[in-house]
Each structure stands twice: as structure tokens, then as C-alpha cells.
Amino acid sequence: MNITFHYPPELMNLLIETIPLLCKSKRNTLLFFRGAGVEDELTKDLWETVQDNRDSITKYEIVRSVLTRLNERGESALRERREVLKRVVEFENYAGCWPQDQLNAKGLVAEIREVINVKDAFTRMDEERRRERQQHIDKKEEELRSKQKRTEAIGKLKDEFFSLFSELDATKRGKALESVLNKLFQVYEISVREAFTLTGDSGEGVVEQIDGTIEFGGYLYFVEMKWWKEPIGVPEISQHLVRIYHRPESRAIVISASNFTDPAVSMCKEALVKGKVITLCTLEELVMLLEQQGDLTDFLRRKVQSTIIDKNPFPRVEIHSTLKTGS
């Protein structure tokens, strides 16, 4: 609680002891409060008492009455309470006090300053802790909202993705897959540098190829999707390797609806020796990822890491579900 909102007992007692020493007379005591912005209506009866029978009330009683009334007013008297406190802690002209009160007044003012500094420090620390807690709560809520939004988006994508398997028209399926892959990368906030474009030759049968580029982990990846009945072989991998051989620092990801031949995998291993990373992935893995609502970014990162570290361009990695809640 801010100490200027309600004077706590310790500060209240110090103010009651101090303010009378700063004012030579009862009238000056009331003028002290008037100068702090305290309404005359609040001190009207005290003025009358001082005027009619000044000996019936002391400066200490005046101060106690005014401060109690200010405290009781709560938030509506916040400005006045702050001003009273400000006038005390900034008090410097002790020549206006009675000579015998000056040293005591200086000591009490110093004590009030110390109390305020200590309490303000605790107040700031409490406020900082509250702010940190609130920020933590806000972050968690935002994470939950983001997670829920992603879950809903993945659910829609899953339906779109699975509907592709019932589409017999190769061209339509290719265009639909282009849209699904774009959305999939966007959901996981993977930067799509170029829109995927259909490059398959429907005259060859059930064949769709979607080329595009994505960026994550500081690298540019050429992505190619092939929907073939037969495993992808050396000729198809060779075509894709040409792209990254002619582009420094680029890498590749090939996604196949079928599988990859052993010679194709061996060719990718040979490319690793020459510093070119090409990671192989199946459509089945993406299906499992969507089913388990896994993290696509984490999945691809671990696939690439295994490709490089284990020198295995076609690694199988465990899918980490985003549905698991953290502790």
C-alpha cells in the first residue's frame, strides 16, 4: 500500500509529534494544513475552537484531528495527504520554530524521511513483484491463447490435408497441397520466402512437385514435395541437389508421399561430405505430426540436426506433441 494513501500508525504518530514543532502557534498549525490544500470545511470547527477558547485545545490535538479526518476520507483526500507529507519532509527553515523545539523538530523530520524511504523501498519492491507476477500471468495467458489458436488452426489443416488423399485429380491435389503446406509453415511461424508453386507434370501420372523456400534457424531451405506411387530415386534427388549446389549456404528438404530408394539416400550422404545438407521426409511423418499436434519447427530442426550429426539424411525422429502441458 502506498504510504501516502493511508498514513500507517508509525507514520501517523511521527507526524502528530512533528507538525506541532514546526508551527509556533495553533493558528499557524491550521495555516500549515491550509497551505497543504486541506479544505476549510474540514478544519472549520477547529478554527472556531482556537478563536473562541484557544486554551481548550493543543496543537497536537489539532494535528491529530486533521490527520485522522484526512485518513478517513480515503482516496478523495489523497492529494492533501501527499502534500502534508511533502511539506514535512521538505521542511528546512527551522528558524520559524521555537528555539527549544528546533533540534527535536530536525530529528523527527529526519526520522520521517527515513521511514518514508524504507517504506517506499518496500513498496517499490512489492510493486515490482506484483508487476512481475502479473507479467508472468499475462505471458502464460498469451501462451495459452496462442496454443489454443494454433490447435484450432492445426485441426482445420488436418482436415484439409487428409482430404487430399481422396482427391483423384493430380492437378487439383497439387494446388490444394500447395495451400496446405503454406498454411502449415505459417502456423508454426516459419518464414516462407516464396509461395509454393506447382511444377509437376500431370502427364506422367500421379505426380505433383511443389517447390518453394522457407527460412528457419538462420538458413534458407529449398522445399520440394513429390507425390509419387514409387519411391523417389537418384534422378529426382539430383534435380534438387543442383539448386543448392549453385546457391551458397542453402539447404534442402524433400518430402515424399512414397519413400526414397537406397541410392537416393546414398547420394544425399555424398552431398553432406561436400557440405550440402539435404534432409528427406515422408508425407507419412507430416500426417503423424498433424495427428499428434507436434511442433513442426522442432521436428524439422531435429531432422536437420540428425542429418548433419549422424550423417543420416533420412532420419526418423520422435514427434514431440505440443498438447503436453509444462510444469
C-alpha atoms as a PDB file:
ATOM      1  CA  MET A   1       0.000   0.000   0.000  1.00  0.00           C
ATOM      2  CA  ASN A   2       1.288   3.493  -0.839  1.00  0.00           C
ATOM      3  CA  ILE A   3       2.022   5.233   2.483  1.00  0.00           C
ATOM      4  CA  THR A   4       0.513   8.471   1.200  1.00  0.00           C
ATOM      5  CA  PHE A   5      -2.815   6.742   0.585  1.00  0.00           C
ATOM      6  CA  HIS A   6      -3.404   5.977   4.244  1.00  0.00           C
ATOM      7  CA  TYR A   7      -0.937   7.066   6.910  1.00  0.00           C
ATOM      8  CA  PRO A   8       0.106   3.878   8.753  1.00  0.00           C
ATOM      9  CA  PRO A   9       0.238   4.128  12.609  1.00  0.00           C
ATOM     10  CA  GLU A  10       4.010   4.603  12.786  1.00  0.00           C
ATOM     11  CA  LEU A  11       3.984   7.497  10.333  1.00  0.00           C
ATOM     12  CA  MET A  12       0.784   8.939  11.795  1.00  0.00           C
ATOM     13  CA  ASN A  13       2.327   9.178  15.269  1.00  0.00           C
ATOM     14  CA  LEU A  14       5.508  10.764  13.915  1.00  0.00           C
ATOM     15  CA  LEU A  15       3.521  13.406  12.024  1.00  0.00           C
ATOM     16  CA  ILE A  16       1.470  14.178  15.149  1.00  0.00           C
ATOM     17  CA  GLU A  17       4.700  14.707  17.084  1.00  0.00           C
ATOM     18  CA  THR A  18       6.455  16.683  14.357  1.00  0.00           C
ATOM     19  CA  ILE A  19       3.998  19.151  12.815  1.00  0.00           C
ATOM     20  CA  PRO A  20       3.276  20.991  16.121  1.00  0.00           C
ATOM     21  CA  LEU A  21       7.022  21.609  16.500  1.00  0.00           C
ATOM     22  CA  LEU A  22       7.181  23.160  13.034  1.00  0.00           C
ATOM     23  CA  CYS A  23       4.452  25.676  13.850  1.00  0.00           C
ATOM     24  CA  LYS A  24       4.787  28.244  16.666  1.00  0.00           C
ATOM     25  CA  SER A  25       1.070  28.729  17.234  1.00  0.00           C
ATOM     26  CA  LYS A  26      -2.221  26.895  16.899  1.00  0.00           C
ATOM     27  CA  ARG A  27      -3.235  29.330  14.185  1.00  0.00           C
ATOM     28  CA  ASN A  28      -0.001  28.592  12.293  1.00  0.00           C
ATOM     29  CA  THR A  29      -0.731  24.892  12.674  1.00  0.00           C
ATOM     30  CA  LEU A  30      -4.084  25.317  10.963  1.00  0.00           C
ATOM     31  CA  LEU A  31      -2.465  27.513   8.309  1.00  0.00           C
ATOM     32  CA  PHE A  32       0.060  24.710   7.702  1.00  0.00           C
ATOM     33  CA  PHE A  33      -2.820  22.423   6.716  1.00  0.00           C
ATOM     34  CA  ARG A  34      -4.499  25.142   4.674  1.00  0.00           C
ATOM     35  CA  GLY A  35      -1.249  25.569   2.763  1.00  0.00           C
ATOM     36  CA  ALA A  36      -1.289  21.836   2.053  1.00  0.00           C
ATOM     37  CA  GLY A  37      -4.680  22.215   0.379  1.00  0.00           C
ATOM     38  CA  VAL A  38      -6.856  20.933   3.228  1.00  0.00           C
ATOM     39  CA  GLU A  39     -10.350  22.380   2.844  1.00  0.00           C
ATOM     40  CA  ASP A  40     -11.502  24.882   5.442  1.00  0.00           C
ATOM     41  CA  GLU A  41     -14.671  22.819   5.793  1.00  0.00           C
ATOM     42  CA  LEU A  42     -12.548  20.042   7.285  1.00  0.00           C
ATOM     43  CA  THR A  43     -10.988  22.363   9.879  1.00  0.00           C
ATOM     44  CA  LYS A  44     -13.847  24.818  10.415  1.00  0.00           C
ATOM     45  CA  ASP A  45     -14.677  23.604  13.939  1.00  0.00           C
ATOM     46  CA  LEU A  46     -11.002  23.682  14.906  1.00  0.00           C
ATOM     47  CA  TRP A  47     -10.674  27.287  13.741  1.00  0.00           C
ATOM     48  CA  GLU A  48     -13.711  28.196  15.830  1.00  0.00           C
ATOM     49  CA  THR A  49     -12.303  26.433  18.893  1.00  0.00           C
ATOM     50  CA  VAL A  50      -8.974  28.257  18.556  1.00  0.00           C
ATOM     51  CA  GLN A  51     -10.768  31.572  18.155  1.00  0.00           C
ATOM     52  CA  ASP A  52     -13.296  31.105  20.983  1.00  0.00           C
ATOM     53  CA  ASN A  53     -11.281  29.149  23.552  1.00  0.00           C
ATOM     54  CA  ARG A  54      -7.689  28.598  22.416  1.00  0.00           C
ATOM     55  CA  ASP A  55      -6.671  27.029  25.726  1.00  0.00           C
ATOM     56  CA  SER A  56      -9.166  24.174  25.332  1.00  0.00           C
ATOM     57  CA  ILE A  57      -7.174  22.532  22.547  1.00  0.00           C
ATOM     58  CA  THR A  58      -3.493  21.864  21.889  1.00  0.00           C
ATOM     59  CA  LYS A  59      -1.504  21.911  18.657  1.00  0.00           C
ATOM     60  CA  TYR A  60      -1.106  18.143  18.986  1.00  0.00           C
ATOM     61  CA  GLU A  61      -4.872  17.657  19.224  1.00  0.00           C
ATOM     62  CA  ILE A  62      -5.367  19.863  16.164  1.00  0.00           C
ATOM     63  CA  VAL A  63      -2.860  17.845  14.154  1.00  0.00           C
ATOM     64  CA  ARG A  64      -4.321  14.513  15.305  1.00  0.00           C
ATOM     65  CA  SER A  65      -7.851  15.617  14.386  1.00  0.00           C
ATOM     66  CA  VAL A  66      -6.899  16.861  10.908  1.00  0.00           C
ATOM     67  CA  LEU A  67      -4.756  13.843  10.025  1.00  0.00           C
ATOM     68  CA  THR A  68      -7.426  11.428  11.280  1.00  0.00           C
ATOM     69  CA  ARG A  69     -10.048  13.152   9.147  1.00  0.00           C
ATOM     70  CA  LEU A  70      -7.779  13.049   6.099  1.00  0.00           C
ATOM     71  CA  ASN A  71      -7.162   9.346   6.635  1.00  0.00           C
ATOM     72  CA  GLU A  72     -10.878   8.665   6.981  1.00  0.00           C
ATOM     73  CA  ARG A  73     -11.601  10.373   3.660  1.00  0.00           C
ATOM     74  CA  GLY A  74      -9.636   7.700   1.829  1.00  0.00           C
ATOM     75  CA  GLU A  75      -8.863   8.271  -1.827  1.00  0.00           C
ATOM     76  CA  SER A  76     -10.699  11.613  -2.015  1.00  0.00           C
ATOM     77  CA  ALA A  77      -8.068  13.207   0.255  1.00  0.00           C
ATOM     78  CA  LEU A  78      -5.071  11.527  -1.348  1.00  0.00           C
ATOM     79  CA  ARG A  79      -3.700  14.776  -2.782  1.00  0.00           C
ATOM     80  CA  GLU A  80      -3.902  16.563   0.590  1.00  0.00           C
ATOM     81  CA  ARG A  81      -2.202  13.698   2.447  1.00  0.00           C
ATOM     82  CA  ARG A  82       0.622  13.672  -0.064  1.00  0.00           C
ATOM     83  CA  GLU A  83       1.053  17.438   0.206  1.00  0.00           C
ATOM     84  CA  VAL A  84       1.132  17.359   4.014  1.00  0.00           C
ATOM     85  CA  LEU A  85       3.827  14.697   3.899  1.00  0.00           C
ATOM     86  CA  LYS A  86       5.737  16.606   1.222  1.00  0.00           C
ATOM     87  CA  ARG A  87       5.712  19.813   3.262  1.00  0.00           C
ATOM     88  CA  VAL A  88       7.099  17.956   6.294  1.00  0.00           C
ATOM     89  CA  VAL A  89       9.932  16.062   4.577  1.00  0.00           C
ATOM     90  CA  GLU A  90      10.964  19.153   2.608  1.00  0.00           C
ATOM     91  CA  PHE A  91      10.884  21.411   5.681  1.00  0.00           C
ATOM     92  CA  GLU A  92      14.207  23.312   6.022  1.00  0.00           C
ATOM     93  CA  ASN A  93      13.578  26.688   7.677  1.00  0.00           C
ATOM     94  CA  TYR A  94      13.705  25.726  11.349  1.00  0.00           C
ATOM     95  CA  ALA A  95      14.235  29.376  12.307  1.00  0.00           C
ATOM     96  CA  GLY A  96      10.465  29.684  12.349  1.00  0.00           C
ATOM     97  CA  CYS A  97      10.203  27.102  15.131  1.00  0.00           C
ATOM     98  CA  TRP A  98      10.565  27.820  18.827  1.00  0.00           C
ATOM     99  CA  PRO A  99      14.305  27.675  19.660  1.00  0.00           C
ATOM    100  CA  GLN A 100      13.828  24.872  22.165  1.00  0.00           C
ATOM    101  CA  ASP A 101      11.935  22.819  19.540  1.00  0.00           C
ATOM    102  CA  GLN A 102      14.377  23.162  16.637  1.00  0.00           C
ATOM    103  CA  LEU A 103      16.677  20.214  17.375  1.00  0.00           C
ATOM    104  CA  ASN A 104      13.796  17.910  18.194  1.00  0.00           C
ATOM    105  CA  ALA A 105      11.969  19.008  15.036  1.00  0.00           C
ATOM    106  CA  LYS A 106      15.053  18.321  12.876  1.00  0.00           C
ATOM    107  CA  GLY A 107      15.402  14.861  14.397  1.00  0.00           C
ATOM    108  CA  LEU A 108      11.742  13.983  13.841  1.00  0.00           C
ATOM    109  CA  VAL A 109      11.771  15.249  10.250  1.00  0.00           C
ATOM    110  CA  ALA A 110      14.867  13.132   9.583  1.00  0.00           C
ATOM    111  CA  GLU A 111      13.125  10.112  11.121  1.00  0.00           C
ATOM    112  CA  ILE A 112      10.067  10.661   8.919  1.00  0.00           C
ATOM    113  CA  ARG A 113      12.293  10.861   5.853  1.00  0.00           C
ATOM    114  CA  GLU A 114      13.927   7.564   6.827  1.00  0.00           C
ATOM    115  CA  VAL A 115      10.565   5.877   7.427  1.00  0.00           C
ATOM    116  CA  ILE A 116       9.310   7.063   4.049  1.00  0.00           C
ATOM    117  CA  ASN A 117      12.459   5.919   2.267  1.00  0.00           C
ATOM    118  CA  VAL A 118      12.303   2.458   3.842  1.00  0.00           C
ATOM    119  CA  LYS A 119       8.579   2.045   3.264  1.00  0.00           C
ATOM    120  CA  ASP A 120       8.841   3.397  -0.262  1.00  0.00           C
ATOM    121  CA  ALA A 121      11.612   0.895  -0.953  1.00  0.00           C
ATOM    122  CA  PHE A 122       9.420  -1.961   0.272  1.00  0.00           C
ATOM    123  CA  THR A 123       6.513  -0.513  -1.675  1.00  0.00           C
ATOM    124  CA  ARG A 124       8.588  -0.411  -4.836  1.00  0.00           C
ATOM    125  CA  MET A 125       9.760  -3.975  -4.272  1.00  0.00           C
ATOM    126  CA  ASP A 126       6.188  -5.145  -3.662  1.00  0.00           C
ATOM    127  CA  GLU A 127       5.005  -3.324  -6.759  1.00  0.00           C
ATOM    128  CA  GLU A 128       7.848  -4.842  -8.768  1.00  0.00           C
ATOM    129  CA  ARG A 129       6.967  -8.316  -7.506  1.00  0.00           C
ATOM    130  CA  ARG A 130       3.323  -7.741  -8.331  1.00  0.00           C
ATOM    131  CA  ARG A 131       4.297  -6.453 -11.761  1.00  0.00           C
ATOM    132  CA  GLU A 132       6.495  -9.499 -12.378  1.00  0.00           C
ATOM    133  CA  ARG A 133       3.719 -11.840 -11.239  1.00  0.00           C
ATOM    134  CA  GLN A 134       1.245 -10.066 -13.499  1.00  0.00           C
ATOM    135  CA  GLN A 135       3.653 -10.203 -16.416  1.00  0.00           C
ATOM    136  CA  HIS A 136       4.120 -13.923 -15.760  1.00  0.00           C
ATOM    137  CA  ILE A 137       0.345 -14.418 -15.654  1.00  0.00           C
ATOM    138  CA  ASP A 138      -0.133 -12.360 -18.825  1.00  0.00           C
ATOM    139  CA  LYS A 139       2.604 -14.348 -20.573  1.00  0.00           C
ATOM    140  CA  LYS A 140       1.022 -17.659 -19.562  1.00  0.00           C
ATOM    141  CA  GLU A 141      -2.407 -16.489 -20.693  1.00  0.00           C
ATOM    142  CA  GLU A 142      -0.984 -15.321 -24.001  1.00  0.00           C
ATOM    143  CA  GLU A 143       0.782 -18.657 -24.440  1.00  0.00           C
ATOM    144  CA  LEU A 144      -2.490 -20.477 -23.728  1.00  0.00           C
ATOM    145  CA  ARG A 145      -4.355 -18.269 -26.218  1.00  0.00           C
ATOM    146  CA  SER A 146      -1.640 -18.794 -28.817  1.00  0.00           C
ATOM    147  CA  LYS A 147      -1.645 -22.532 -28.173  1.00  0.00           C
ATOM    148  CA  GLN A 148      -5.424 -22.715 -28.467  1.00  0.00           C
ATOM    149  CA  LYS A 149      -5.324 -20.694 -31.677  1.00  0.00           C
ATOM    150  CA  ARG A 150      -2.633 -22.971 -33.100  1.00  0.00           C
ATOM    151  CA  THR A 151      -4.573 -26.071 -32.025  1.00  0.00           C
ATOM    152  CA  GLU A 152      -7.660 -24.839 -33.855  1.00  0.00           C
ATOM    153  CA  ALA A 153      -5.610 -23.949 -36.941  1.00  0.00           C
ATOM    154  CA  ILE A 154      -3.917 -27.356 -36.956  1.00  0.00           C
ATOM    155  CA  GLY A 155      -7.303 -29.053 -36.640  1.00  0.00           C
ATOM    156  CA  LYS A 156      -8.544 -27.269 -39.759  1.00  0.00           C
ATOM    157  CA  LEU A 157      -5.306 -28.007 -41.589  1.00  0.00           C
ATOM    158  CA  LYS A 158      -5.543 -31.663 -40.673  1.00  0.00           C
ATOM    159  CA  ASP A 159      -8.986 -31.906 -42.262  1.00  0.00           C
ATOM    160  CA  GLU A 160      -7.736 -30.151 -45.408  1.00  0.00           C
ATOM    161  CA  PHE A 161      -4.632 -32.303 -45.538  1.00  0.00           C
ATOM    162  CA  PHE A 162      -6.463 -35.605 -45.120  1.00  0.00           C
ATOM    163  CA  SER A 163      -8.993 -34.654 -47.780  1.00  0.00           C
ATOM    164  CA  LEU A 164      -6.132 -34.635 -50.306  1.00  0.00           C
ATOM    165  CA  PHE A 165      -5.923 -38.426 -50.174  1.00  0.00           C
ATOM    166  CA  SER A 166      -9.411 -38.745 -51.638  1.00  0.00           C
ATOM    167  CA  GLU A 167      -8.702 -36.313 -54.497  1.00  0.00           C
ATOM    168  CA  LEU A 168      -8.065 -38.258 -57.710  1.00  0.00           C
ATOM    169  CA  ASP A 169      -7.249 -35.258 -59.873  1.00  0.00           C
ATOM    170  CA  ALA A 170      -3.472 -34.806 -59.655  1.00  0.00           C
ATOM    171  CA  THR A 171      -3.544 -31.124 -60.596  1.00  0.00           C
ATOM    172  CA  LYS A 172      -6.225 -30.233 -58.070  1.00  0.00           C
ATOM    173  CA  ARG A 173      -4.446 -32.224 -55.377  1.00  0.00           C
ATOM    174  CA  GLY A 174      -1.193 -30.409 -56.152  1.00  0.00           C
ATOM    175  CA  LYS A 175      -2.784 -26.974 -55.866  1.00  0.00           C
ATOM    176  CA  ALA A 176      -4.563 -27.948 -52.649  1.00  0.00           C
ATOM    177  CA  LEU A 177      -1.321 -29.298 -51.202  1.00  0.00           C
ATOM    178  CA  GLU A 178       0.390 -26.010 -52.066  1.00  0.00           C
ATOM    179  CA  SER A 179      -2.153 -24.159 -49.948  1.00  0.00           C
ATOM    180  CA  VAL A 180      -1.957 -26.629 -47.052  1.00  0.00           C
ATOM    181  CA  LEU A 181       1.848 -26.507 -46.896  1.00  0.00           C
ATOM    182  CA  ASN A 182       1.849 -22.710 -46.945  1.00  0.00           C
ATOM    183  CA  LYS A 183      -0.613 -22.625 -44.072  1.00  0.00           C
ATOM    184  CA  LEU A 184       1.279 -25.318 -42.173  1.00  0.00           C
ATOM    185  CA  PHE A 185       4.522 -23.344 -42.211  1.00  0.00           C
ATOM    186  CA  GLN A 186       2.685 -20.139 -41.328  1.00  0.00           C
ATOM    187  CA  VAL A 187       1.005 -21.742 -38.314  1.00  0.00           C
ATOM    188  CA  TYR A 188       4.429 -22.612 -36.937  1.00  0.00           C
ATOM    189  CA  GLU A 189       5.736 -19.142 -37.799  1.00  0.00           C
ATOM    190  CA  ILE A 190       8.291 -20.469 -40.273  1.00  0.00           C
ATOM    191  CA  SER A 191       9.148 -17.718 -42.711  1.00  0.00           C
ATOM    192  CA  VAL A 192       8.001 -18.572 -46.246  1.00  0.00           C
ATOM    193  CA  ARG A 193      10.306 -16.680 -48.572  1.00  0.00           C
ATOM    194  CA  GLU A 194       8.427 -17.607 -51.737  1.00  0.00           C
ATOM    195  CA  ALA A 195       4.981 -19.006 -52.371  1.00  0.00           C
ATOM    196  CA  PHE A 196       4.943 -22.674 -53.308  1.00  0.00           C
ATOM    197  CA  THR A 197       4.314 -23.229 -56.990  1.00  0.00           C
ATOM    198  CA  LEU A 198       3.048 -26.342 -58.715  1.00  0.00           C
ATOM    199  CA  THR A 199       5.671 -27.731 -61.074  1.00  0.00           C
ATOM    200  CA  GLY A 200       4.530 -31.313 -61.500  1.00  0.00           C
ATOM    201  CA  ASP A 201       3.837 -32.889 -64.888  1.00  0.00           C
ATOM    202  CA  SER A 202       0.392 -34.446 -64.661  1.00  0.00           C
ATOM    203  CA  GLY A 203       1.078 -36.249 -67.942  1.00  0.00           C
ATOM    204  CA  GLU A 204       3.386 -38.625 -66.078  1.00  0.00           C
ATOM    205  CA  GLY A 205       0.568 -39.880 -63.908  1.00  0.00           C
ATOM    206  CA  VAL A 206       0.045 -39.142 -60.250  1.00  0.00           C
ATOM    207  CA  VAL A 207       2.949 -36.678 -59.862  1.00  0.00           C
ATOM    208  CA  GLU A 208       2.942 -33.291 -58.169  1.00  0.00           C
ATOM    209  CA  GLN A 209       6.009 -31.306 -57.299  1.00  0.00           C
ATOM    210  CA  ILE A 210       5.810 -28.157 -55.217  1.00  0.00           C
ATOM    211  CA  ASP A 211       8.942 -26.037 -54.937  1.00  0.00           C
ATOM    212  CA  GLY A 212       9.387 -23.191 -52.518  1.00  0.00           C
ATOM    213  CA  THR A 213      11.786 -21.755 -49.969  1.00  0.00           C
ATOM    214  CA  ILE A 214      11.477 -21.384 -46.220  1.00  0.00           C
ATOM    215  CA  GLU A 215      13.785 -19.867 -43.658  1.00  0.00           C
ATOM    216  CA  PHE A 216      14.384 -21.083 -40.118  1.00  0.00           C
ATOM    217  CA  GLY A 217      17.373 -21.487 -37.851  1.00  0.00           C
ATOM    218  CA  GLY A 218      19.239 -18.886 -39.889  1.00  0.00           C
ATOM    219  CA  TYR A 219      19.283 -20.988 -43.075  1.00  0.00           C
ATOM    220  CA  LEU A 220      17.404 -20.908 -46.360  1.00  0.00           C
ATOM    221  CA  TYR A 221      15.836 -24.259 -47.292  1.00  0.00           C
ATOM    222  CA  PHE A 222      14.549 -25.254 -50.707  1.00  0.00           C
ATOM    223  CA  VAL A 223      11.483 -27.419 -50.170  1.00  0.00           C
ATOM    224  CA  GLU A 224      10.205 -29.915 -52.693  1.00  0.00           C
ATOM    225  CA  MET A 225       7.138 -32.134 -52.408  1.00  0.00           C
ATOM    226  CA  LYS A 226       6.689 -35.210 -54.598  1.00  0.00           C
ATOM    227  CA  TRP A 227       3.513 -37.266 -54.614  1.00  0.00           C
ATOM    228  CA  TRP A 228       4.586 -40.404 -56.406  1.00  0.00           C
ATOM    229  CA  LYS A 229       3.492 -44.012 -56.102  1.00  0.00           C
ATOM    230  CA  GLU A 230       7.059 -45.266 -56.436  1.00  0.00           C
ATOM    231  CA  PRO A 231       9.985 -44.344 -54.135  1.00  0.00           C
ATOM    232  CA  ILE A 232      11.964 -41.265 -55.115  1.00  0.00           C
ATOM    233  CA  GLY A 233      15.213 -42.182 -56.851  1.00  0.00           C
ATOM    234  CA  VAL A 234      18.548 -40.656 -57.839  1.00  0.00           C
ATOM    235  CA  PRO A 235      17.313 -38.649 -60.882  1.00  0.00           C
ATOM    236  CA  GLU A 236      14.746 -36.746 -58.821  1.00  0.00           C
ATOM    237  CA  ILE A 237      17.182 -36.057 -55.970  1.00  0.00           C
ATOM    238  CA  SER A 238      19.806 -34.930 -58.487  1.00  0.00           C
ATOM    239  CA  GLN A 239      17.483 -32.279 -59.867  1.00  0.00           C
ATOM    240  CA  HIS A 240      17.008 -30.854 -56.409  1.00  0.00           C
ATOM    241  CA  LEU A 241      20.690 -31.021 -55.475  1.00  0.00           C
ATOM    242  CA  VAL A 242      21.532 -28.819 -58.454  1.00  0.00           C
ATOM    243  CA  ARG A 243      19.624 -25.950 -56.827  1.00  0.00           C
ATOM    244  CA  ILE A 244      21.628 -25.958 -53.602  1.00  0.00           C
ATOM    245  CA  TYR A 245      24.993 -26.663 -55.276  1.00  0.00           C
ATOM    246  CA  HIS A 246      24.629 -23.363 -57.100  1.00  0.00           C
ATOM    247  CA  ARG A 247      23.499 -21.408 -54.035  1.00  0.00           C
ATOM    248  CA  PRO A 248      25.985 -20.925 -51.154  1.00  0.00           C
ATOM    249  CA  GLU A 249      24.693 -21.598 -47.625  1.00  0.00           C
ATOM    250  CA  SER A 250      21.420 -23.050 -48.913  1.00  0.00           C
ATOM    251  CA  ARG A 251      19.953 -26.373 -47.779  1.00  0.00           C
ATOM    252  CA  ALA A 252      17.129 -28.613 -48.921  1.00  0.00           C
ATOM    253  CA  ILE A 253      14.165 -30.583 -47.622  1.00  0.00           C
ATOM    254  CA  VAL A 254      12.472 -33.161 -49.831  1.00  0.00           C
ATOM    255  CA  ILE A 255       9.070 -34.523 -48.808  1.00  0.00           C
ATOM    256  CA  SER A 256       7.822 -37.657 -50.494  1.00  0.00           C
ATOM    257  CA  ALA A 257       4.395 -39.258 -50.463  1.00  0.00           C
ATOM    258  CA  SER A 258       6.056 -42.632 -51.070  1.00  0.00           C
ATOM    259  CA  ASN A 259       9.629 -43.249 -49.887  1.00  0.00           C
ATOM    260  CA  PHE A 260      13.236 -42.949 -51.079  1.00  0.00           C
ATOM    261  CA  THR A 261      15.454 -45.521 -52.769  1.00  0.00           C
ATOM    262  CA  ASP A 262      18.731 -46.532 -51.121  1.00  0.00           C
ATOM    263  CA  PRO A 263      20.800 -44.985 -53.952  1.00  0.00           C
ATOM    264  CA  ALA A 264      18.904 -41.689 -53.465  1.00  0.00           C
ATOM    265  CA  VAL A 265      19.731 -41.705 -49.750  1.00  0.00           C
ATOM    266  CA  SER A 266      23.378 -42.517 -50.529  1.00  0.00           C
ATOM    267  CA  MET A 267      23.548 -39.571 -52.911  1.00  0.00           C
ATOM    268  CA  CYS A 268      22.372 -37.280 -50.105  1.00  0.00           C
ATOM    269  CA  LYS A 269      25.092 -38.693 -47.843  1.00  0.00           C
ATOM    270  CA  GLU A 270      27.688 -37.882 -50.504  1.00  0.00           C
ATOM    271  CA  ALA A 271      26.338 -34.326 -50.664  1.00  0.00           C
ATOM    272  CA  LEU A 272      26.963 -33.989 -46.904  1.00  0.00           C
ATOM    273  CA  VAL A 273      30.645 -34.691 -47.463  1.00  0.00           C
ATOM    274  CA  LYS A 274      30.678 -31.706 -49.830  1.00  0.00           C
ATOM    275  CA  GLY A 275      28.969 -29.514 -47.206  1.00  0.00           C
ATOM    276  CA  LYS A 276      25.486 -29.635 -48.721  1.00  0.00           C
ATOM    277  CA  VAL A 277      22.628 -30.541 -46.367  1.00  0.00           C
ATOM    278  CA  ILE A 278      19.603 -32.263 -47.830  1.00  0.00           C
ATOM    279  CA  THR A 279      17.063 -33.769 -45.423  1.00  0.00           C
ATOM    280  CA  LEU A 280      14.483 -36.331 -46.506  1.00  0.00           C
ATOM    281  CA  CYS A 281      10.987 -36.556 -45.067  1.00  0.00           C
ATOM    282  CA  THR A 282       7.861 -38.554 -45.865  1.00  0.00           C
ATOM    283  CA  LEU A 283       4.284 -37.437 -46.114  1.00  0.00           C
ATOM    284  CA  GLU A 284       3.506 -40.091 -43.504  1.00  0.00           C
ATOM    285  CA  GLU A 285       5.653 -38.180 -40.987  1.00  0.00           C
ATOM    286  CA  LEU A 286       3.659 -34.995 -41.623  1.00  0.00           C
ATOM    287  CA  VAL A 287       0.441 -36.954 -41.161  1.00  0.00           C
ATOM    288  CA  MET A 288       1.684 -38.217 -37.782  1.00  0.00           C
ATOM    289  CA  LEU A 289       2.795 -34.690 -36.872  1.00  0.00           C
ATOM    290  CA  LEU A 290      -0.691 -33.327 -37.522  1.00  0.00           C
ATOM    291  CA  GLU A 291      -2.353 -36.249 -35.747  1.00  0.00           C
ATOM    292  CA  GLN A 292      -0.276 -35.679 -32.599  1.00  0.00           C
ATOM    293  CA  GLN A 293      -0.244 -31.888 -32.985  1.00  0.00           C
ATOM    294  CA  GLY A 294       3.527 -31.956 -32.871  1.00  0.00           C
ATOM    295  CA  ASP A 295       5.839 -28.972 -33.193  1.00  0.00           C
ATOM    296  CA  LEU A 296       6.838 -28.680 -36.854  1.00  0.00           C
ATOM    297  CA  THR A 297       9.747 -26.337 -36.158  1.00  0.00           C
ATOM    298  CA  ASP A 298      11.196 -28.671 -33.538  1.00  0.00           C
ATOM    299  CA  PHE A 299      10.575 -31.665 -35.788  1.00  0.00           C
ATOM    300  CA  LEU A 300      12.440 -30.147 -38.740  1.00  0.00           C
ATOM    301  CA  ARG A 301      15.237 -28.854 -36.522  1.00  0.00           C
ATOM    302  CA  ARG A 302      15.882 -32.319 -35.099  1.00  0.00           C
ATOM    303  CA  LYS A 303      15.677 -33.884 -38.574  1.00  0.00           C
ATOM    304  CA  VAL A 304      18.324 -31.480 -39.848  1.00  0.00           C
ATOM    305  CA  GLN A 305      20.499 -31.952 -36.749  1.00  0.00           C
ATOM    306  CA  SER A 306      20.391 -35.736 -37.180  1.00  0.00           C
ATOM    307  CA  THR A 307      21.206 -35.346 -40.861  1.00  0.00           C
ATOM    308  CA  ILE A 308      24.353 -33.381 -40.014  1.00  0.00           C
ATOM    309  CA  ILE A 309      25.500 -35.037 -36.785  1.00  0.00           C
ATOM    310  CA  ASP A 310      24.619 -38.638 -37.613  1.00  0.00           C
ATOM    311  CA  LYS A 311      25.312 -38.204 -41.340  1.00  0.00           C
ATOM    312  CA  ASN A 312      21.874 -39.650 -41.950  1.00  0.00           C
ATOM    313  CA  PRO A 313      19.822 -37.635 -44.475  1.00  0.00           C
ATOM    314  CA  PHE A 314      16.736 -39.772 -43.856  1.00  0.00           C
ATOM    315  CA  PRO A 315      16.455 -39.867 -40.052  1.00  0.00           C
ATOM    316  CA  ARG A 316      13.376 -40.919 -38.119  1.00  0.00           C
ATOM    317  CA  VAL A 317      12.792 -38.637 -35.165  1.00  0.00           C
ATOM    318  CA  GLU A 318      10.263 -38.753 -32.363  1.00  0.00           C
ATOM    319  CA  ILE A 319       7.409 -36.300 -32.639  1.00  0.00           C
ATOM    320  CA  HIS A 320       7.078 -34.054 -29.593  1.00  0.00           C
ATOM    321  CA  SER A 321       3.422 -33.256 -29.053  1.00  0.00           C
ATOM    322  CA  THR A 322       2.527 -29.645 -28.221  1.00  0.00           C
ATOM    323  CA  LEU A 323      -0.502 -30.951 -26.328  1.00  0.00           C
ATOM    324  CA  LYS A 324       1.670 -31.813 -23.336  1.00  0.00           C
ATOM    325  CA  THR A 325       1.413 -29.192 -20.647  1.00  0.00           C
ATOM    326  CA  GLY A 326       4.518 -27.835 -18.999  1.00  0.00           C
ATOM    327  CA  SER A 327       5.076 -27.847 -15.242  1.00  0.00           C
END
